[in-house]
Amino acid sequence: MNDRQDPYAQDPYGRQPQVHGYDAYGQPVYRPDAPERVYDEYGQPVRPVQQQPQQGYGYEGQGYDPYAQPQQLNEQQHQFYEPQQQPAQPVQPAQQTQQQEWIPRQAGAPAHEAGEAPREERQEPSPRVPGQAPAPDYRTEQFSFIEEPDEDSEDVIDWLKFSESRTERRDERKRKGRNRVIALVVVLVLALGGAAAYMWWAGSGDTKGTAAAHGAQKRDVIVVHLRQTQGGGSSTALLVDNETTKKGTTVLLPNTLAVAKDSGGSTTLGKSVQDDGTGATRDALNTLLGADIKGSWRLDTPYLENLVELVGGIALDTDTDVPGAKPGDSPVVRKGAAQNLGGQMAVAYATYRASGEDPGKQLARFGQVMQAVLKKLSGDPAAATRTMESLAQIPDPSLSVEQLGASLARLATLAKAGAYDTTALPVQTDGTLGDQATGKVVKDILGGTVKDTGGRNATPRVSVKNATGAKSASGTAQVTLVNGGYTVVDAGTAGTAEAASAVTYADDRREADAKEVAKTLGLPAGAVKKGTGAANADVTVVLGKDYKS
């Protein structure tokens, strides 16, 4: 029997089956995806083996729609494609009774119509062909055409992420901990360093940089002499500009300060200003204090009066009333706070000393006036120089008007800023400098070193008073003592002549020195005795008529 003899070989609707090949008996074998014409060896149609219908497949026992197109399998891609459905046609009765064929049908609406997932992963069973081994019963779940995540692998990945995150967090905590420790150490070091610096600064006293006091600080020092045109008195002060510490100071020098003379003797500061002048006094102060005083400013009282007027007057707290020139006159200066003083009032207050009053009181008033003038003076060097030029003074050779103006301008700037003080140099009764003056003023403010003028091993200071009645005797005696290596203090001339000379000492340690002084002057040993002498000398000599010059 061939396909033309088969009454069912011809599709009544005109569809021609596709012949896939012929079996051992010469019967045609159709494509597996067209199982409606598969016969056995006796020429009977082969019914496919009943299987559990897959989704989208089933068997129609009563008939089938000849217009329904079966789903075709793409054997290479294993994907299904649904052809469009044709309207179902009635099934002929003869076909219902004479043959039962395997007809794939659709279980429901297309996926895209019913809202289901695409059926790309569905697979229909292949029909069994006679003479061939049955096809393996594959299931869709046996194939994985789309890479799906493995739950176990996801767990491993999650665990690795968790472990890595925990490790990173632990490392981050360690890093932050180290940073906190380092920051704490840095803060502690800075705090300790700041505390040490503060303690060092706090222990430096009134000035900064005490450790560098011996020459390391830069200072500008000038000496000013206020000389009275009436009475012949004088007041002396050092104006110190410390450029390193940015601080200014007025150092008041008592007239009783013992200074050396050019001739080799010694005298007081007051006498040196009057007798020796500004240059010799400046050199004597440099020798005594070890300070670098670069220039002298002689300020006579008329110039001070003009200076106060040029700056517009001054204001200060006065500590006393300054009486008028005549008895019964109103006070020139009233005692009180913030007193406004003009030129004449400032001069009167700076030079006033009450009867029996300590000389230091008058010196302090002079310091007040000088600081008040500096506060009113311009801080501009050019303007300060013009003010000095307006005074029409004759400048000292050591300090020109321009240099003086520049120095005063810097001091004025410090005074206006409140970085200015006034202090007095402490002097002992004998005119020498003690430890207080040496440490606080000379070293810290002036940056100098005091020459030992009162120590035990220092050259004895000898006070000489002429009581011979002859003016030349005093000079001859002083020259003889200087040549002998002594420091001489001129005590002037006695009011009455003495018959015998006397050599006295107050300290037992100076007894041997007194005997040597008497021998040097050619006086008898009996002239030496212990007693009260000059306050500013170790040995006091009173020349009598028995002295032979």
Protein backbone atom coordinates (compact mmCIF):
# COMPACT_ATOMS: atom_id res chain seq x y z
CA MET A 1 0.00 0.00 0.00
CA ASN A 2 1.30 3.40 -0.82
CA ASP A 3 0.18 6.85 0.05
CA ARG A 4 -2.11 7.00 -2.96
CA GLN A 5 -3.88 3.69 -2.02
CA ASP A 6 -4.36 4.92 1.57
CA PRO A 7 -7.82 6.38 1.78
CA TYR A 8 -6.55 8.72 4.53
CA ALA A 9 -3.36 9.61 2.86
CA GLN A 10 -5.10 12.44 1.12
CA ASP A 11 -6.23 15.19 3.41
CA PRO A 12 -9.88 15.96 2.62
CA TYR A 13 -9.12 19.61 3.11
CA GLY A 14 -6.32 19.65 0.65
CA ARG A 15 -3.40 19.53 3.00
CA GLN A 16 -0.60 17.31 1.84
CA PRO A 17 1.34 15.51 4.57
CA GLN A 18 5.07 15.75 4.47
CA VAL A 19 6.83 12.42 3.82
CA HIS A 20 9.84 12.09 6.04
CA GLY A 21 10.93 8.67 4.57
CA TYR A 22 9.87 5.03 4.14
CA ASP A 23 9.98 2.20 6.60
CA ALA A 24 11.16 -1.40 6.04
CA TYR A 25 7.87 -2.28 4.29
CA GLY A 26 7.91 0.63 1.94
CA GLN A 27 5.36 2.61 3.85
CA PRO A 28 5.83 6.36 3.95
CA VAL A 29 7.03 7.82 7.22
CA TYR A 30 5.89 11.32 7.91
CA ARG A 31 7.64 13.97 9.92
CA PRO A 32 7.47 13.49 13.64
CA ASP A 33 5.81 16.85 13.97
CA ALA A 34 3.03 15.57 11.65
CA PRO A 35 2.02 12.30 13.28
CA GLU A 36 -1.42 12.11 11.69
CA ARG A 37 -0.11 9.67 9.01
CA VAL A 38 2.01 7.17 10.90
CA TYR A 39 1.24 3.45 10.18
CA ASP A 40 2.41 0.17 11.58
CA GLU A 41 3.65 -2.83 9.61
CA TYR A 42 0.10 -3.89 8.77
CA GLY A 43 -0.85 -0.58 7.33
CA GLN A 44 -2.94 0.52 10.25
CA PRO A 45 -2.61 3.99 11.74
CA VAL A 46 -0.48 4.04 14.80
CA ARG A 47 -1.98 5.59 17.90
CA PRO A 48 0.58 7.43 19.93
CA VAL A 49 1.34 6.16 23.38
CA GLN A 50 -0.90 7.80 25.93
CA GLN A 51 1.11 10.17 28.09
CA GLN A 52 0.25 12.74 30.59
CA PRO A 53 -0.59 15.73 28.50
CA GLN A 54 1.85 18.57 28.75
CA GLN A 55 0.63 22.08 29.13
CA GLY A 56 -0.91 23.05 25.85
CA TYR A 57 -1.45 19.40 24.54
CA GLY A 58 -4.33 16.92 24.72
CA TYR A 59 -6.25 14.19 22.83
CA GLU A 60 -9.56 14.71 21.18
CA GLY A 61 -11.45 11.40 21.06
CA GLN A 62 -14.44 12.67 19.11
CA GLY A 63 -12.64 14.47 16.36
CA TYR A 64 -10.40 17.37 15.68
CA ASP A 65 -10.33 20.64 13.89
CA PRO A 66 -8.64 20.03 10.55
CA TYR A 67 -7.85 23.73 10.34
CA ALA A 68 -6.03 23.82 13.64
CA GLN A 69 -2.31 24.02 12.97
CA PRO A 70 -0.10 21.98 15.32
CA GLN A 71 2.72 23.69 17.18
CA GLN A 72 6.00 23.21 15.41
CA LEU A 73 9.21 22.48 17.28
CA ASN A 74 12.43 24.14 16.36
CA GLU A 75 14.74 21.22 16.96
CA GLN A 76 17.86 23.32 17.16
CA GLN A 77 16.66 26.00 19.57
CA HIS A 78 14.09 23.85 21.46
CA GLN A 79 11.60 26.64 21.40
CA PHE A 80 7.94 26.52 20.44
CA TYR A 81 6.18 28.80 18.12
CA GLU A 82 2.40 28.99 18.09
CA PRO A 83 0.83 29.46 14.70
CA GLN A 84 -2.27 31.51 14.47
CA GLN A 85 -5.43 29.55 15.19
CA GLN A 86 -8.10 29.05 12.57
CA PRO A 87 -11.75 28.72 13.40
CA ALA A 88 -12.61 25.19 14.39
CA GLN A 89 -14.45 23.08 11.71
CA PRO A 90 -16.94 20.36 12.43
CA VAL A 91 -15.57 16.89 12.57
CA GLN A 92 -16.94 14.32 10.15
CA PRO A 93 -18.55 11.23 11.74
CA ALA A 94 -16.73 8.77 9.52
CA GLN A 95 -13.47 10.18 10.85
CA GLN A 96 -14.63 9.72 14.41
CA THR A 97 -15.27 5.99 13.95
CA GLN A 98 -12.65 4.89 11.52
CA GLN A 99 -9.51 6.47 13.02
CA GLN A 100 -8.23 7.95 16.20
CA GLU A 101 -5.33 10.18 15.61
CA TRP A 102 -3.02 12.06 17.91
CA ILE A 103 -3.91 15.68 17.48
CA PRO A 104 -2.14 18.36 19.52
CA ARG A 105 -4.46 21.03 20.77
CA GLN A 106 -4.12 24.20 22.62
CA ALA A 107 -5.06 24.13 26.25
CA GLY A 108 -6.05 27.70 26.45
CA ALA A 109 -5.59 31.13 25.09
CA PRO A 110 -2.17 32.20 23.82
CA ALA A 111 0.23 33.32 26.48
CA HIS A 112 0.23 36.86 25.30
CA GLU A 113 -3.56 36.90 25.50
CA ALA A 114 -4.03 35.15 28.84
CA GLY A 115 -1.29 37.13 30.63
CA GLU A 116 0.91 34.06 31.14
CA ALA A 117 4.67 33.78 30.75
CA PRO A 118 6.03 32.92 27.27
CA ARG A 119 6.11 29.22 26.48
CA GLU A 120 9.65 29.19 25.21
CA GLU A 121 10.69 26.55 27.72
CA ARG A 122 7.85 24.06 26.91
CA GLN A 123 8.64 20.88 24.93
CA GLU A 124 6.27 18.45 23.24
CA PRO A 125 7.00 14.75 23.14
CA SER A 126 8.14 13.47 19.77
CA PRO A 127 5.93 10.84 18.12
CA ARG A 128 7.20 7.31 17.96
CA VAL A 129 8.32 6.15 14.53
CA PRO A 130 8.14 2.41 13.66
CA GLY A 131 11.51 0.74 13.50
CA GLN A 132 13.13 3.33 15.66
CA ALA A 133 14.01 3.25 19.31
CA PRO A 134 11.59 5.09 21.46
CA ALA A 135 12.62 8.65 22.08
CA PRO A 136 13.75 9.44 25.60
CA ASP A 137 11.09 10.96 27.71
CA TYR A 138 12.69 14.32 28.29
CA ARG A 139 11.12 16.93 30.50
CA THR A 140 11.45 20.63 30.24
CA GLU A 141 12.97 20.85 33.70
CA GLN A 142 15.86 18.63 32.50
CA PHE A 143 17.15 21.42 30.34
CA SER A 144 18.28 24.86 31.39
CA PHE A 145 18.21 27.17 28.44
CA ILE A 146 18.33 30.34 30.50
CA GLU A 147 21.03 30.74 33.09
CA GLU A 148 19.31 30.74 36.43
CA PRO A 149 20.92 31.78 39.70
CA ASP A 150 21.84 29.04 42.05
CA GLU A 151 20.41 29.56 45.50
CA ASP A 152 23.44 27.90 47.06
CA SER A 153 25.81 30.12 45.10
CA GLU A 154 23.79 33.15 46.18
CA ASP A 155 24.16 32.06 49.78
CA VAL A 156 27.91 31.69 49.32
CA ILE A 157 28.12 35.11 47.71
CA ASP A 158 26.04 36.63 50.49
CA TRP A 159 28.27 34.97 53.09
CA LEU A 160 31.41 36.26 51.36
CA LYS A 161 29.93 39.72 51.19
CA PHE A 162 28.99 39.55 54.84
CA SER A 163 32.44 38.28 55.82
CA GLU A 164 34.13 40.92 53.69
CA SER A 165 31.91 43.68 55.07
CA ARG A 166 32.55 42.59 58.64
CA THR A 167 36.30 42.47 57.98
CA GLU A 168 36.21 45.90 56.40
CA ARG A 169 34.24 47.28 59.34
CA ARG A 170 36.70 45.75 61.78
CA ASP A 171 39.64 47.20 59.85
CA GLU A 172 37.89 50.56 59.70
CA ARG A 173 37.35 50.52 63.46
CA LYS A 174 41.01 49.68 63.99
CA ARG A 175 42.07 52.50 61.66
CA LYS A 176 39.81 55.00 63.40
CA GLY A 177 41.08 53.82 66.76
CA ARG A 178 44.68 54.36 65.67
CA ASN A 179 43.80 57.81 64.35
CA ARG A 180 42.15 58.73 67.64
CA VAL A 181 45.18 57.56 69.60
CA ILE A 182 47.52 59.55 67.35
CA ALA A 183 45.33 62.64 67.65
CA LEU A 184 45.24 62.28 71.43
CA VAL A 185 49.02 62.01 71.60
CA VAL A 186 49.42 65.10 69.41
CA VAL A 187 47.01 67.07 71.60
CA LEU A 188 48.83 66.02 74.75
CA VAL A 189 52.20 67.00 73.28
CA LEU A 190 50.86 70.38 72.20
CA ALA A 191 49.25 70.94 75.58
CA LEU A 192 52.43 70.09 77.44
CA GLY A 193 54.46 72.28 75.10
CA GLY A 194 52.03 75.16 75.57
CA ALA A 195 52.09 74.75 79.34
CA ALA A 196 55.87 74.72 79.36
CA ALA A 197 55.99 77.80 77.16
CA TYR A 198 53.51 79.59 79.41
CA MET A 199 55.46 78.71 82.54
CA TRP A 200 58.64 79.94 80.91
CA TRP A 201 56.93 83.15 79.82
CA ALA A 202 55.25 83.67 83.19
CA GLY A 203 58.55 83.26 85.00
CA SER A 204 60.30 85.80 82.84
CA GLY A 205 59.25 88.73 85.04
CA ASP A 206 58.12 92.04 83.66
CA THR A 207 60.10 91.61 80.46
CA LYS A 208 60.08 88.87 77.82
CA GLY A 209 63.02 86.90 76.70
CA THR A 210 65.06 87.13 79.88
CA ALA A 211 67.20 84.23 78.75
CA ALA A 212 68.44 86.42 75.92
CA ALA A 213 69.00 89.48 78.10
CA HIS A 214 72.77 89.49 77.64
CA GLY A 215 73.02 91.06 74.21
CA ALA A 216 70.49 88.89 72.35
CA GLN A 217 67.76 91.55 72.51
CA LYS A 218 67.91 94.66 70.41
CA ARG A 219 67.63 97.87 72.42
CA ASP A 220 67.80 101.56 71.62
CA VAL A 221 68.90 103.60 74.68
CA ILE A 222 69.34 107.36 74.97
CA VAL A 223 70.01 109.44 78.10
CA VAL A 224 68.04 112.63 78.76
CA HIS A 225 69.12 115.33 81.20
CA LEU A 226 66.55 117.81 82.45
CA ARG A 227 68.62 120.78 83.50
CA GLN A 228 67.12 123.64 85.46
CA THR A 229 68.16 127.07 84.28
CA GLN A 230 67.30 128.40 87.72
CA GLY A 231 68.96 126.72 90.68
CA GLY A 232 71.33 124.56 88.70
CA GLY A 233 69.73 121.22 89.53
CA SER A 234 69.35 118.36 87.10
CA SER A 235 67.39 115.16 86.65
CA THR A 236 68.59 112.21 84.54
CA ALA A 237 66.75 109.31 82.96
CA LEU A 238 67.37 106.58 80.38
CA LEU A 239 64.79 106.13 77.62
CA VAL A 240 64.87 102.44 76.60
CA ASP A 241 63.22 101.07 73.46
CA ASN A 242 63.39 97.26 73.47
CA GLU A 243 62.66 96.35 69.87
CA THR A 244 62.70 92.63 70.67
CA THR A 245 60.04 92.66 73.40
CA LYS A 246 58.18 95.66 71.93
CA LYS A 247 58.30 97.48 75.25
CA GLY A 248 59.49 100.91 76.34
CA THR A 249 60.83 101.98 79.73
CA THR A 250 61.99 105.15 81.42
CA VAL A 251 64.77 104.32 83.92
CA LEU A 252 65.20 107.11 86.49
CA LEU A 253 68.80 107.60 87.71
CA PRO A 254 69.33 109.21 91.16
CA ASN A 255 71.86 112.04 91.37
CA THR A 256 73.65 110.16 94.17
CA LEU A 257 74.72 107.39 91.80
CA ALA A 258 78.49 107.02 91.94
CA VAL A 259 80.18 107.21 88.54
CA ALA A 260 83.79 107.24 87.45
CA LYS A 261 85.65 110.34 86.31
CA ASP A 262 87.91 110.66 83.31
CA SER A 263 90.80 111.44 85.63
CA GLY A 264 90.40 108.08 87.34
CA GLY A 265 88.48 109.24 90.39
CA SER A 266 84.76 108.92 91.02
CA THR A 267 81.94 111.39 91.51
CA THR A 268 78.19 111.48 91.72
CA LEU A 269 75.90 111.59 88.72
CA GLY A 270 74.59 115.03 89.67
CA LYS A 271 78.10 116.47 89.88
CA SER A 272 79.10 114.79 86.62
CA VAL A 273 76.23 116.42 84.72
CA GLN A 274 77.06 119.85 86.09
CA ASP A 275 80.85 119.67 85.95
CA ASP A 276 81.76 117.21 83.20
CA GLY A 277 78.92 117.64 80.73
CA THR A 278 76.76 115.22 78.73
CA GLY A 279 79.54 113.40 76.87
CA ALA A 280 81.63 112.50 79.92
CA THR A 281 78.53 111.54 81.89
CA ARG A 282 77.33 109.26 79.07
CA ASP A 283 80.71 107.50 79.02
CA ALA A 284 80.67 107.14 82.80
CA LEU A 285 77.21 105.55 82.72
CA ASN A 286 78.22 103.15 79.94
CA THR A 287 81.22 102.10 82.03
CA LEU A 288 79.16 101.63 85.16
CA LEU A 289 76.09 99.90 83.69
CA GLY A 290 77.66 98.09 80.78
CA ALA A 291 74.83 99.45 78.63
CA ASP A 292 75.06 100.77 75.08
CA ILE A 293 73.82 104.33 75.40
CA LYS A 294 74.03 105.71 71.89
CA GLY A 295 73.25 109.38 72.49
CA SER A 296 72.47 112.19 74.94
CA TRP A 297 69.54 114.62 74.91
CA ARG A 298 69.98 117.76 76.94
CA LEU A 299 66.54 119.09 77.71
CA ASP A 300 66.73 122.41 79.55
CA THR A 301 63.55 123.49 81.32
CA PRO A 302 62.58 126.13 78.69
CA TYR A 303 62.68 123.44 76.00
CA LEU A 304 60.53 121.13 78.10
CA GLU A 305 57.97 123.92 78.44
CA ASN A 306 57.91 124.44 74.68
CA LEU A 307 57.69 120.71 74.02
CA VAL A 308 54.60 120.32 76.21
CA GLU A 309 52.96 123.21 74.42
CA LEU A 310 53.79 121.74 70.99
CA VAL A 311 52.07 118.46 71.81
CA GLY A 312 48.98 120.28 73.11
CA GLY A 313 49.49 119.85 76.84
CA ILE A 314 49.59 116.69 78.92
CA ALA A 315 47.35 114.95 81.45
CA LEU A 316 48.56 113.00 84.48
CA ASP A 317 47.77 112.16 88.10
CA THR A 318 49.61 114.61 90.36
CA ASP A 319 50.67 113.52 93.87
CA THR A 320 51.03 116.96 95.44
CA ASP A 321 50.17 120.61 95.17
CA VAL A 322 52.90 122.73 93.66
CA PRO A 323 52.82 126.15 95.39
CA GLY A 324 53.05 129.40 93.56
CA ALA A 325 56.22 131.52 93.29
CA LYS A 326 55.19 133.83 96.14
CA PRO A 327 53.63 133.06 99.51
CA GLY A 328 49.86 133.30 99.31
CA ASP A 329 49.73 132.58 95.57
CA SER A 330 47.43 129.84 94.36
CA PRO A 331 49.11 126.51 93.68
CA VAL A 332 50.57 126.22 90.21
CA VAL A 333 49.54 122.56 90.07
CA ARG A 334 46.70 120.98 92.00
CA LYS A 335 46.89 117.50 93.43
CA GLY A 336 44.47 115.12 91.75
CA ALA A 337 43.77 112.61 89.03
CA ALA A 338 43.92 113.44 85.34
CA GLN A 339 45.19 116.96 85.80
CA ASN A 340 45.72 118.88 82.57
CA LEU A 341 49.08 120.62 82.55
CA GLY A 342 50.42 123.22 80.19
CA GLY A 343 54.08 123.96 79.58
CA GLN A 344 54.85 126.00 82.70
CA MET A 345 52.78 123.73 84.93
CA ALA A 346 54.59 120.66 83.58
CA VAL A 347 57.99 122.20 84.31
CA ALA A 348 56.93 123.24 87.80
CA TYR A 349 55.65 119.76 88.60
CA ALA A 350 58.68 117.95 87.11
CA THR A 351 61.19 119.98 89.14
CA TYR A 352 59.30 120.40 92.41
CA ARG A 353 60.78 118.97 95.62
CA ALA A 354 59.29 119.93 98.96
CA SER A 355 61.55 120.87 101.85
CA GLY A 356 63.01 117.76 103.46
CA GLU A 357 61.40 115.53 100.85
CA ASP A 358 63.22 112.49 99.47
CA PRO A 359 64.94 113.29 96.17
CA GLY A 360 63.29 110.23 94.68
CA LYS A 361 59.88 111.96 94.84
CA GLN A 362 60.98 114.76 92.54
CA LEU A 363 62.62 112.23 90.20
CA ALA A 364 59.36 110.26 89.96
CA ARG A 365 57.46 113.43 88.97
CA PHE A 366 59.96 114.01 86.18
CA GLY A 367 59.30 110.47 84.97
CA GLN A 368 55.54 111.11 84.94
CA VAL A 369 55.96 114.19 82.78
CA MET A 370 58.22 112.41 80.29
CA GLN A 371 55.81 109.49 79.83
CA ALA A 372 52.86 111.88 79.41
CA VAL A 373 54.77 113.82 76.74
CA LEU A 374 55.53 110.60 74.85
CA LYS A 375 51.83 109.71 74.81
CA LYS A 376 51.04 113.00 73.11
CA LEU A 377 53.96 112.93 70.68
CA SER A 378 53.37 111.66 67.15
CA GLY A 379 54.36 108.10 66.37
CA ASP A 380 55.39 109.12 62.85
CA PRO A 381 59.18 109.64 62.69
CA ALA A 382 58.89 112.53 60.25
CA ALA A 383 56.28 114.33 62.38
CA ALA A 384 58.25 113.70 65.59
CA THR A 385 61.38 115.06 63.91
CA ARG A 386 59.55 118.23 62.88
CA THR A 387 58.48 118.71 66.50
CA MET A 388 62.08 118.38 67.66
CA GLU A 389 63.21 120.85 65.02
CA SER A 390 60.61 123.32 66.28
CA LEU A 391 62.34 123.38 69.67
CA ALA A 392 65.41 124.95 68.01
CA GLN A 393 67.78 123.10 70.31
CA ILE A 394 71.44 122.64 69.66
CA PRO A 395 71.70 118.87 69.30
CA ASP A 396 74.38 116.85 71.02
CA PRO A 397 77.02 115.51 68.60
CA SER A 398 76.10 111.96 69.63
CA LEU A 399 72.43 112.33 68.60
CA SER A 400 71.14 114.30 65.61
CA VAL A 401 67.64 115.78 65.44
CA GLU A 402 66.57 113.08 62.95
CA GLN A 403 67.86 110.30 65.18
CA LEU A 404 66.20 111.84 68.22
CA GLY A 405 62.88 112.20 66.35
CA ALA A 406 62.94 108.60 65.18
CA SER A 407 63.73 107.27 68.68
CA LEU A 408 61.01 109.36 70.32
CA ALA A 409 58.45 108.28 67.67
CA ARG A 410 59.01 104.59 68.47
CA LEU A 411 58.73 105.29 72.19
CA ALA A 412 55.55 107.30 71.56
CA THR A 413 54.01 104.34 69.74
CA LEU A 414 54.73 102.05 72.70
CA ALA A 415 53.40 104.61 75.19
CA LYS A 416 50.12 104.95 73.27
CA ALA A 417 49.76 101.16 73.16
CA GLY A 418 50.23 100.85 76.92
CA ALA A 419 53.54 99.02 76.53
CA TYR A 420 55.51 101.56 78.52
CA ASP A 421 56.71 101.69 82.14
CA THR A 422 58.67 104.02 84.39
CA THR A 423 61.03 102.67 87.06
CA ALA A 424 63.86 103.97 89.23
CA LEU A 425 67.36 102.49 89.51
CA PRO A 426 67.86 101.47 93.16
CA VAL A 427 71.01 103.07 94.62
CA GLN A 428 72.51 102.37 98.04
CA THR A 429 73.45 105.14 100.46
CA ASP A 430 77.03 105.08 99.27
CA GLY A 431 75.98 105.54 95.64
CA THR A 432 76.69 101.98 94.60
CA LEU A 433 74.34 99.47 93.03
CA GLY A 434 73.11 96.47 94.96
CA ASP A 435 71.74 93.12 93.83
CA GLN A 436 68.25 94.51 93.26
CA ALA A 437 69.48 97.09 90.79
CA THR A 438 71.83 94.63 89.14
CA GLY A 439 69.23 91.95 88.49
CA LYS A 440 65.97 93.74 87.78
CA VAL A 441 67.00 96.90 86.01
CA VAL A 442 70.52 96.63 84.65
CA LYS A 443 70.30 93.10 83.27
CA ASP A 444 66.62 92.82 82.38
CA ILE A 445 65.85 96.32 81.11
CA LEU A 446 69.23 97.61 79.98
CA GLY A 447 70.82 94.28 79.10
CA GLY A 448 74.04 95.38 80.79
CA THR A 449 76.45 94.17 83.44
CA VAL A 450 77.28 96.26 86.48
CA LYS A 451 80.90 96.90 87.14
CA ASP A 452 81.76 95.86 90.70
CA THR A 453 82.19 99.16 92.52
CA GLY A 454 81.27 98.07 96.02
CA GLY A 455 82.45 94.50 96.40
CA ARG A 456 85.01 93.33 98.85
CA ASN A 457 87.65 92.84 96.20
CA ALA A 458 86.84 96.04 94.33
CA THR A 459 89.22 98.97 94.25
CA PRO A 460 88.62 101.07 97.38
CA ARG A 461 86.80 104.33 96.85
CA VAL A 462 88.40 107.17 98.69
CA SER A 463 86.54 110.37 99.52
CA VAL A 464 88.85 113.42 99.72
CA LYS A 465 87.84 116.67 101.44
CA ASN A 466 90.19 119.66 101.44
CA ALA A 467 90.55 121.25 104.90
CA THR A 468 94.08 122.63 104.44
CA GLY A 469 93.03 126.10 103.49
CA ALA A 470 94.88 125.82 100.16
CA LYS A 471 92.88 125.15 97.02
CA SER A 472 95.63 123.20 95.24
CA ALA A 473 95.97 120.59 97.97
CA SER A 474 92.81 118.72 96.99
CA GLY A 475 93.85 118.28 93.36
CA THR A 476 97.34 117.10 94.27
CA ALA A 477 95.97 114.50 96.72
CA GLN A 478 93.46 113.15 94.19
CA VAL A 479 96.14 112.72 91.52
CA THR A 480 98.37 110.89 93.97
CA LEU A 481 95.57 108.47 94.96
CA VAL A 482 94.53 107.80 91.35
CA ASN A 483 98.12 106.99 90.48
CA GLY A 484 98.13 104.62 93.43
CA GLY A 485 95.19 102.68 91.92
CA TYR A 486 92.35 104.08 94.02
CA THR A 487 89.01 105.44 92.97
CA VAL A 488 88.60 108.98 94.26
CA VAL A 489 85.36 110.71 95.23
CA ASP A 490 85.68 114.47 95.42
CA ALA A 491 84.05 115.66 98.63
CA GLY A 492 84.79 119.32 98.06
CA THR A 493 86.28 121.85 100.50
CA ALA A 494 85.63 122.08 104.23
CA GLY A 495 84.33 125.30 105.70
CA THR A 496 87.14 125.53 108.25
CA ALA A 497 90.72 124.36 108.18
CA GLU A 498 91.85 121.42 110.26
CA ALA A 499 95.23 121.18 111.92
CA ALA A 500 95.70 117.46 111.46
CA SER A 501 94.67 115.15 108.69
CA ALA A 502 92.34 112.17 109.39
CA VAL A 503 91.84 108.83 107.57
CA THR A 504 88.74 106.90 108.73
CA TYR A 505 87.01 103.68 107.78
CA ALA A 506 83.64 102.26 108.83
CA ASP A 507 84.11 98.62 107.88
CA ASP A 508 86.81 96.56 109.55
CA ARG A 509 87.55 94.97 106.23
CA ARG A 510 88.78 98.35 105.00
CA GLU A 511 91.28 98.94 107.83
CA ALA A 512 94.24 97.76 105.77
CA ASP A 513 93.08 99.89 102.85
CA ALA A 514 92.91 102.96 105.12
CA LYS A 515 96.51 102.41 106.28
CA GLU A 516 97.66 102.11 102.66
CA VAL A 517 95.85 105.35 101.74
CA ALA A 518 97.58 107.21 104.60
CA LYS A 519 100.96 105.87 103.51
CA THR A 520 100.30 106.89 99.89
CA LEU A 521 99.51 110.49 100.94
CA GLY A 522 102.48 110.65 103.32
CA LEU A 523 100.34 110.88 106.44
CA PRO A 524 101.33 109.33 109.77
CA ALA A 525 99.90 105.95 110.79
CA GLY A 526 98.25 107.64 113.78
CA ALA A 527 95.89 109.46 111.41
CA VAL A 528 94.07 106.17 110.65
CA LYS A 529 91.10 105.35 112.87
CA LYS A 530 87.72 103.68 112.69
CA GLY A 531 84.79 106.02 112.42
CA THR A 532 81.94 107.38 110.36
CA GLY A 533 82.97 108.55 106.95
CA ALA A 534 81.44 109.50 103.63
CA ALA A 535 78.47 107.40 102.65
CA ASN A 536 79.72 106.91 99.12
CA ALA A 537 83.28 105.87 99.93
CA ASP A 538 85.16 103.04 101.63
CA VAL A 539 87.79 105.33 103.09
CA THR A 540 87.34 109.00 103.98
CA VAL A 541 90.26 111.44 103.98
CA VAL A 542 90.17 114.94 105.47
CA LEU A 543 93.33 116.85 104.56
CA GLY A 544 94.66 119.10 107.32
CA LYS A 545 97.45 121.61 107.47
CA ASP A 546 99.97 118.85 108.15
CA TYR A 547 99.47 117.51 104.61
CA LYS A 548 102.40 118.35 102.37
CA SER A 549 101.46 118.39 98.71
